[in-house]
Amino acid sequence: MRTLTNRLSLLTFITVLAFATACKPKKMITQAAPVPVQAPVEEEKPKPAPVAETDSDGDGIADSKDNCPNKAGSADNNGCPEVVAPAPTFNYQNILFEFNSAVLKTSSYSILDEIAREMKKYPDMKFSLNGHSSAEGTETRNLTLSIDRATAVKSYLVSAGINGRNLEAKGFGESKPLNTNNTEAARQQNRRVEIKKDN
């Protein structure tokens, strides 16, 4: 009888245990907050190194932008060398004078005005005003006359706005004739002032 009681007790215990397990409260299922999905971070690709452009003439201006790729030049002139205008030669006709006179002829004014306009374009250029005479009279008188003629031309140019420090008046008398002194026409060519650019 005791065995039966033990068995019943055991059976009751198992039944209670089974029932208790079956009635055990279930875990509450909660919905987790959604995790924000981040867009995949793209790795920044290294930028390709700039392609070095060719500079054939070595002037610092790429050939693609250089109008003269084989001659060194400047950016101001689109890669071409600067063009320097040659200095004028000042080959004007000589300023002529009357016999035994250092007074300028009125016909010389227009020539001197033109010369003054050209000289003003080159304000730092120096000039020689070389006076000459024909062979009449003494050498001393002719030398003085040639200096006076060169000085008359200098005075006119200074009054026209040329810097006097850029003009040097010289006299050569009858020592450098342009023509023979055999005829009056030839002697007239010798009574002159030549204007020359100093080197």
C-alpha atoms as a PDB file:
ATOM      1  CA  MET A   1       0.000   0.000   0.000  1.00  0.00           C
ATOM      2  CA  ARG A   2       2.871   2.228   0.831  1.00  0.00           C
ATOM      3  CA  THR A   3       4.386   1.589  -2.603  1.00  0.00           C
ATOM      4  CA  LEU A   4       1.163   2.572  -4.211  1.00  0.00           C
ATOM      5  CA  THR A   5       1.045   5.756  -2.171  1.00  0.00           C
ATOM      6  CA  ASN A   6       4.579   6.543  -3.136  1.00  0.00           C
ATOM      7  CA  ARG A   7       3.733   5.943  -6.734  1.00  0.00           C
ATOM      8  CA  LEU A   8       0.715   8.163  -6.526  1.00  0.00           C
ATOM      9  CA  SER A   9       2.698  10.870  -4.844  1.00  0.00           C
ATOM     10  CA  LEU A  10       5.341  10.633  -7.499  1.00  0.00           C
ATOM     11  CA  LEU A  11       2.703  10.706 -10.199  1.00  0.00           C
ATOM     12  CA  THR A  12       1.059  13.730  -8.589  1.00  0.00           C
ATOM     13  CA  PHE A  13       4.371  15.473  -8.396  1.00  0.00           C
ATOM     14  CA  ILE A  14       5.117  14.823 -12.060  1.00  0.00           C
ATOM     15  CA  THR A  15       1.596  16.005 -13.045  1.00  0.00           C
ATOM     16  CA  VAL A  16       1.984  19.215 -11.018  1.00  0.00           C
ATOM     17  CA  LEU A  17       5.406  19.741 -12.432  1.00  0.00           C
ATOM     18  CA  ALA A  18       4.157  19.212 -15.969  1.00  0.00           C
ATOM     19  CA  PHE A  19       1.244  21.542 -15.383  1.00  0.00           C
ATOM     20  CA  ALA A  20       3.449  24.133 -13.784  1.00  0.00           C
ATOM     21  CA  THR A  21       5.852  23.969 -16.702  1.00  0.00           C
ATOM     22  CA  ALA A  22       3.008  24.283 -19.159  1.00  0.00           C
ATOM     23  CA  CYS A  23       1.612  27.284 -17.334  1.00  0.00           C
ATOM     24  CA  LYS A  24       4.940  28.993 -16.959  1.00  0.00           C
ATOM     25  CA  PRO A  25       4.541  32.557 -18.195  1.00  0.00           C
ATOM     26  CA  LYS A  26       5.998  33.040 -21.635  1.00  0.00           C
ATOM     27  CA  LYS A  27       8.563  35.678 -22.301  1.00  0.00           C
ATOM     28  CA  MET A  28       7.131  38.778 -23.755  1.00  0.00           C
ATOM     29  CA  ILE A  29       8.352  39.320 -27.265  1.00  0.00           C
ATOM     30  CA  THR A  30       9.127  42.956 -27.793  1.00  0.00           C
ATOM     31  CA  GLN A  31       9.880  44.474 -31.099  1.00  0.00           C
ATOM     32  CA  ALA A  32      13.324  46.039 -31.149  1.00  0.00           C
ATOM     33  CA  ALA A  33      13.644  49.572 -32.511  1.00  0.00           C
ATOM     34  CA  PRO A  34      14.812  49.464 -36.102  1.00  0.00           C
ATOM     35  CA  VAL A  35      18.506  50.126 -36.507  1.00  0.00           C
ATOM     36  CA  PRO A  36      19.033  52.870 -39.070  1.00  0.00           C
ATOM     37  CA  VAL A  37      20.778  51.534 -42.091  1.00  0.00           C
ATOM     38  CA  GLN A  38      23.641  53.717 -43.108  1.00  0.00           C
ATOM     39  CA  ALA A  39      24.489  54.087 -46.739  1.00  0.00           C
ATOM     40  CA  PRO A  40      27.771  52.455 -47.449  1.00  0.00           C
ATOM     41  CA  VAL A  41      30.574  54.987 -47.240  1.00  0.00           C
ATOM     42  CA  GLU A  42      32.338  55.165 -50.523  1.00  0.00           C
ATOM     43  CA  GLU A  43      36.017  55.422 -50.136  1.00  0.00           C
ATOM     44  CA  GLU A  44      37.307  58.608 -51.708  1.00  0.00           C
ATOM     45  CA  LYS A  45      39.288  57.550 -54.681  1.00  0.00           C
ATOM     46  CA  PRO A  46      42.629  59.279 -54.971  1.00  0.00           C
ATOM     47  CA  LYS A  47      42.584  61.913 -57.683  1.00  0.00           C
ATOM     48  CA  PRO A  48      44.858  61.116 -60.559  1.00  0.00           C
ATOM     49  CA  ALA A  49      48.016  63.161 -60.587  1.00  0.00           C
ATOM     50  CA  PRO A  50      47.793  66.022 -63.088  1.00  0.00           C
ATOM     51  CA  VAL A  51      49.491  65.192 -66.334  1.00  0.00           C
ATOM     52  CA  ALA A  52      52.488  67.461 -66.787  1.00  0.00           C
ATOM     53  CA  GLU A  53      52.106  69.316 -70.068  1.00  0.00           C
ATOM     54  CA  THR A  54      55.018  69.657 -72.395  1.00  0.00           C
ATOM     55  CA  ASP A  55      56.895  72.954 -72.458  1.00  0.00           C
ATOM     56  CA  SER A  56      59.289  72.535 -75.379  1.00  0.00           C
ATOM     57  CA  ASP A  57      60.945  75.955 -75.107  1.00  0.00           C
ATOM     58  CA  GLY A  58      61.145  76.029 -71.285  1.00  0.00           C
ATOM     59  CA  ASP A  59      59.449  79.409 -70.926  1.00  0.00           C
ATOM     60  CA  GLY A  60      56.923  78.188 -68.320  1.00  0.00           C
ATOM     61  CA  ILE A  61      53.991  78.196 -70.766  1.00  0.00           C
ATOM     62  CA  ALA A  62      52.600  74.803 -71.785  1.00  0.00           C
ATOM     63  CA  ASP A  63      52.821  74.037 -75.495  1.00  0.00           C
ATOM     64  CA  SER A  64      49.013  73.771 -75.669  1.00  0.00           C
ATOM     65  CA  LYS A  65      48.766  77.461 -74.655  1.00  0.00           C
ATOM     66  CA  ASP A  66      51.977  78.672 -76.315  1.00  0.00           C
ATOM     67  CA  ASN A  67      51.629  80.386 -79.701  1.00  0.00           C
ATOM     68  CA  CYS A  68      55.389  79.946 -80.211  1.00  0.00           C
ATOM     69  CA  PRO A  69      56.173  76.556 -78.581  1.00  0.00           C
ATOM     70  CA  ASN A  70      59.699  76.405 -79.981  1.00  0.00           C
ATOM     71  CA  LYS A  71      60.801  79.921 -78.955  1.00  0.00           C
ATOM     72  CA  ALA A  72      60.917  81.111 -75.344  1.00  0.00           C
ATOM     73  CA  GLY A  73      58.580  84.023 -74.789  1.00  0.00           C
ATOM     74  CA  SER A  74      56.359  85.701 -72.223  1.00  0.00           C
ATOM     75  CA  ALA A  75      52.800  85.141 -71.015  1.00  0.00           C
ATOM     76  CA  ASP A  76      51.967  88.726 -72.006  1.00  0.00           C
ATOM     77  CA  ASN A  77      52.751  87.842 -75.623  1.00  0.00           C
ATOM     78  CA  ASN A  78      51.014  84.399 -75.595  1.00  0.00           C
ATOM     79  CA  GLY A  79      54.315  82.550 -75.262  1.00  0.00           C
ATOM     80  CA  CYS A  80      56.040  84.354 -78.113  1.00  0.00           C
ATOM     81  CA  PRO A  81      59.179  86.482 -77.731  1.00  0.00           C
ATOM     82  CA  GLU A  82      58.634  90.190 -77.231  1.00  0.00           C
ATOM     83  CA  VAL A  83      59.199  92.119 -80.436  1.00  0.00           C
ATOM     84  CA  VAL A  84      61.377  95.129 -79.836  1.00  0.00           C
ATOM     85  CA  ALA A  85      61.031  97.770 -82.482  1.00  0.00           C
ATOM     86  CA  PRO A  86      64.402  98.842 -83.823  1.00  0.00           C
ATOM     87  CA  ALA A  87      65.507 102.300 -82.811  1.00  0.00           C
ATOM     88  CA  PRO A  88      65.098 104.834 -85.580  1.00  0.00           C
ATOM     89  CA  THR A  89      68.069 105.710 -87.705  1.00  0.00           C
ATOM     90  CA  PHE A  90      67.133 109.424 -87.915  1.00  0.00           C
ATOM     91  CA  ASN A  91      68.282 109.734 -91.494  1.00  0.00           C
ATOM     92  CA  TYR A  92      66.741 113.122 -92.170  1.00  0.00           C
ATOM     93  CA  GLN A  93      67.941 115.578 -94.705  1.00  0.00           C
ATOM     94  CA  ASN A  94      70.469 117.990 -93.331  1.00  0.00           C
ATOM     95  CA  ILE A  95      69.458 121.388 -92.000  1.00  0.00           C
ATOM     96  CA  LEU A  96      70.937 123.899 -94.442  1.00  0.00           C
ATOM     97  CA  PHE A  97      72.107 127.494 -93.860  1.00  0.00           C
ATOM     98  CA  GLU A  98      72.841 130.560 -95.928  1.00  0.00           C
ATOM     99  CA  PHE A  99      76.380 131.738 -96.570  1.00  0.00           C
ATOM    100  CA  ASN A 100      78.099 133.096 -93.437  1.00  0.00           C
ATOM    101  CA  SER A 101      74.892 132.651 -91.385  1.00  0.00           C
ATOM    102  CA  ALA A 102      73.835 130.573 -88.371  1.00  0.00           C
ATOM    103  CA  VAL A 103      70.186 131.647 -88.697  1.00  0.00           C
ATOM    104  CA  LEU A 104      67.795 128.764 -89.440  1.00  0.00           C
ATOM    105  CA  LYS A 105      65.942 128.940 -92.749  1.00  0.00           C
ATOM    106  CA  THR A 106      62.180 128.920 -92.385  1.00  0.00           C
ATOM    107  CA  SER A 107      62.124 125.935 -94.759  1.00  0.00           C
ATOM    108  CA  SER A 108      63.974 123.952 -92.050  1.00  0.00           C
ATOM    109  CA  TYR A 109      61.227 124.396 -89.435  1.00  0.00           C
ATOM    110  CA  SER A 110      58.987 121.610 -90.748  1.00  0.00           C
ATOM    111  CA  ILE A 111      61.957 119.206 -90.896  1.00  0.00           C
ATOM    112  CA  LEU A 112      62.996 120.103 -87.334  1.00  0.00           C
ATOM    113  CA  ASP A 113      59.400 119.694 -86.113  1.00  0.00           C
ATOM    114  CA  GLU A 114      59.297 116.208 -87.616  1.00  0.00           C
ATOM    115  CA  ILE A 115      62.650 115.350 -86.027  1.00  0.00           C
ATOM    116  CA  ALA A 116      61.411 116.631 -82.645  1.00  0.00           C
ATOM    117  CA  ARG A 117      58.296 114.416 -82.877  1.00  0.00           C
ATOM    118  CA  GLU A 118      60.477 111.354 -83.515  1.00  0.00           C
ATOM    119  CA  MET A 119      62.918 112.250 -80.724  1.00  0.00           C
ATOM    120  CA  LYS A 120      60.046 112.499 -78.227  1.00  0.00           C
ATOM    121  CA  LYS A 121      59.290 108.809 -78.828  1.00  0.00           C
ATOM    122  CA  TYR A 122      62.737 108.004 -77.390  1.00  0.00           C
ATOM    123  CA  PRO A 123      63.163 110.380 -74.439  1.00  0.00           C
ATOM    124  CA  ASP A 124      66.381 108.750 -73.188  1.00  0.00           C
ATOM    125  CA  MET A 125      68.165 108.650 -76.536  1.00  0.00           C
ATOM    126  CA  LYS A 126      71.149 110.973 -77.061  1.00  0.00           C
ATOM    127  CA  PHE A 127      71.913 112.840 -80.258  1.00  0.00           C
ATOM    128  CA  SER A 128      74.856 114.678 -81.794  1.00  0.00           C
ATOM    129  CA  LEU A 129      74.169 117.872 -83.711  1.00  0.00           C
ATOM    130  CA  ASN A 130      77.163 118.211 -86.017  1.00  0.00           C
ATOM    131  CA  GLY A 131      77.642 121.668 -87.564  1.00  0.00           C
ATOM    132  CA  HIS A 132      79.620 122.170 -90.793  1.00  0.00           C
ATOM    133  CA  SER A 133      80.565 124.994 -93.136  1.00  0.00           C
ATOM    134  CA  SER A 134      81.751 125.562 -96.668  1.00  0.00           C
ATOM    135  CA  ALA A 135      85.373 126.482 -97.354  1.00  0.00           C
ATOM    136  CA  GLU A 136      84.984 130.252 -97.844  1.00  0.00           C
ATOM    137  CA  GLY A 137      86.580 132.369 -95.136  1.00  0.00           C
ATOM    138  CA  THR A 138      89.142 131.371 -92.516  1.00  0.00           C
ATOM    139  CA  GLU A 139      89.191 128.027 -90.733  1.00  0.00           C
ATOM    140  CA  THR A 140      88.670 129.793 -87.391  1.00  0.00           C
ATOM    141  CA  ARG A 141      85.622 131.647 -88.660  1.00  0.00           C
ATOM    142  CA  ASN A 142      84.218 128.475 -90.260  1.00  0.00           C
ATOM    143  CA  LEU A 143      84.705 126.499 -87.029  1.00  0.00           C
ATOM    144  CA  THR A 144      82.861 129.165 -85.027  1.00  0.00           C
ATOM    145  CA  LEU A 145      80.122 129.318 -87.653  1.00  0.00           C
ATOM    146  CA  SER A 146      79.658 125.512 -87.576  1.00  0.00           C
ATOM    147  CA  ILE A 147      79.316 125.539 -83.768  1.00  0.00           C
ATOM    148  CA  ASP A 148      76.786 128.390 -83.972  1.00  0.00           C
ATOM    149  CA  ARG A 149      74.758 126.430 -86.540  1.00  0.00           C
ATOM    150  CA  ALA A 150      74.666 123.312 -84.342  1.00  0.00           C
ATOM    151  CA  THR A 151      73.669 125.488 -81.368  1.00  0.00           C
ATOM    152  CA  ALA A 152      70.832 127.086 -83.386  1.00  0.00           C
ATOM    153  CA  VAL A 153      69.429 123.635 -84.175  1.00  0.00           C
ATOM    154  CA  LYS A 154      69.763 122.592 -80.520  1.00  0.00           C
ATOM    155  CA  SER A 155      67.883 125.727 -79.376  1.00  0.00           C
ATOM    156  CA  TYR A 156      65.051 125.018 -81.798  1.00  0.00           C
ATOM    157  CA  LEU A 157      64.715 121.375 -80.650  1.00  0.00           C
ATOM    158  CA  VAL A 158      64.807 122.358 -76.962  1.00  0.00           C
ATOM    159  CA  SER A 159      62.052 124.922 -77.600  1.00  0.00           C
ATOM    160  CA  ALA A 160      60.090 122.072 -79.282  1.00  0.00           C
ATOM    161  CA  GLY A 161      60.264 120.074 -76.020  1.00  0.00           C
ATOM    162  CA  ILE A 162      63.425 117.967 -76.383  1.00  0.00           C
ATOM    163  CA  ASN A 163      65.613 117.572 -73.288  1.00  0.00           C
ATOM    164  CA  GLY A 164      68.747 119.673 -73.875  1.00  0.00           C
ATOM    165  CA  ARG A 165      70.874 117.143 -71.968  1.00  0.00           C
ATOM    166  CA  ASN A 166      70.174 114.643 -74.771  1.00  0.00           C
ATOM    167  CA  LEU A 167      71.589 116.971 -77.437  1.00  0.00           C
ATOM    168  CA  GLU A 168      75.274 117.721 -77.972  1.00  0.00           C
ATOM    169  CA  ALA A 169      76.175 120.525 -80.376  1.00  0.00           C
ATOM    170  CA  LYS A 170      79.533 120.104 -82.118  1.00  0.00           C
ATOM    171  CA  GLY A 171      81.302 122.113 -84.803  1.00  0.00           C
ATOM    172  CA  PHE A 172      83.621 120.723 -87.484  1.00  0.00           C
ATOM    173  CA  GLY A 173      84.124 123.829 -89.605  1.00  0.00           C
ATOM    174  CA  GLU A 174      85.090 123.037 -93.193  1.00  0.00           C
ATOM    175  CA  SER A 175      86.917 119.792 -92.248  1.00  0.00           C
ATOM    176  CA  LYS A 176      84.154 117.347 -93.320  1.00  0.00           C
ATOM    177  CA  PRO A 177      82.625 118.580 -96.556  1.00  0.00           C
ATOM    178  CA  LEU A 178      79.660 116.693 -97.941  1.00  0.00           C
ATOM    179  CA  ASN A 179      80.505 117.860-101.443  1.00  0.00           C
ATOM    180  CA  THR A 180      83.306 119.723-103.218  1.00  0.00           C
ATOM    181  CA  ASN A 181      83.614 123.449-102.676  1.00  0.00           C
ATOM    182  CA  ASN A 182      84.033 124.125-106.412  1.00  0.00           C
ATOM    183  CA  THR A 183      80.504 125.392-107.133  1.00  0.00           C
ATOM    184  CA  GLU A 184      77.926 127.363-105.168  1.00  0.00           C
ATOM    185  CA  ALA A 185      75.480 124.434-105.317  1.00  0.00           C
ATOM    186  CA  ALA A 186      78.134 122.170-103.765  1.00  0.00           C
ATOM    187  CA  ARG A 187      79.047 124.757-101.113  1.00  0.00           C
ATOM    188  CA  GLN A 188      75.370 125.121-100.126  1.00  0.00           C
ATOM    189  CA  GLN A 189      75.285 121.399 -99.248  1.00  0.00           C
ATOM    190  CA  ASN A 190      78.336 121.858 -97.004  1.00  0.00           C
ATOM    191  CA  ARG A 191      76.669 124.605 -94.920  1.00  0.00           C
ATOM    192  CA  ARG A 192      74.673 122.187 -92.780  1.00  0.00           C
ATOM    193  CA  VAL A 193      73.914 120.562 -89.464  1.00  0.00           C
ATOM    194  CA  GLU A 194      73.673 116.759 -89.393  1.00  0.00           C
ATOM    195  CA  ILE A 195      71.644 115.099 -86.634  1.00  0.00           C
ATOM    196  CA  LYS A 196      72.942 111.689 -85.636  1.00  0.00           C
ATOM    197  CA  LYS A 197      71.923 109.232 -82.955  1.00  0.00           C
ATOM    198  CA  ASP A 198      74.717 108.568 -80.458  1.00  0.00           C
ATOM    199  CA  ASN A 199      75.740 104.939 -80.180  1.00  0.00           C
END
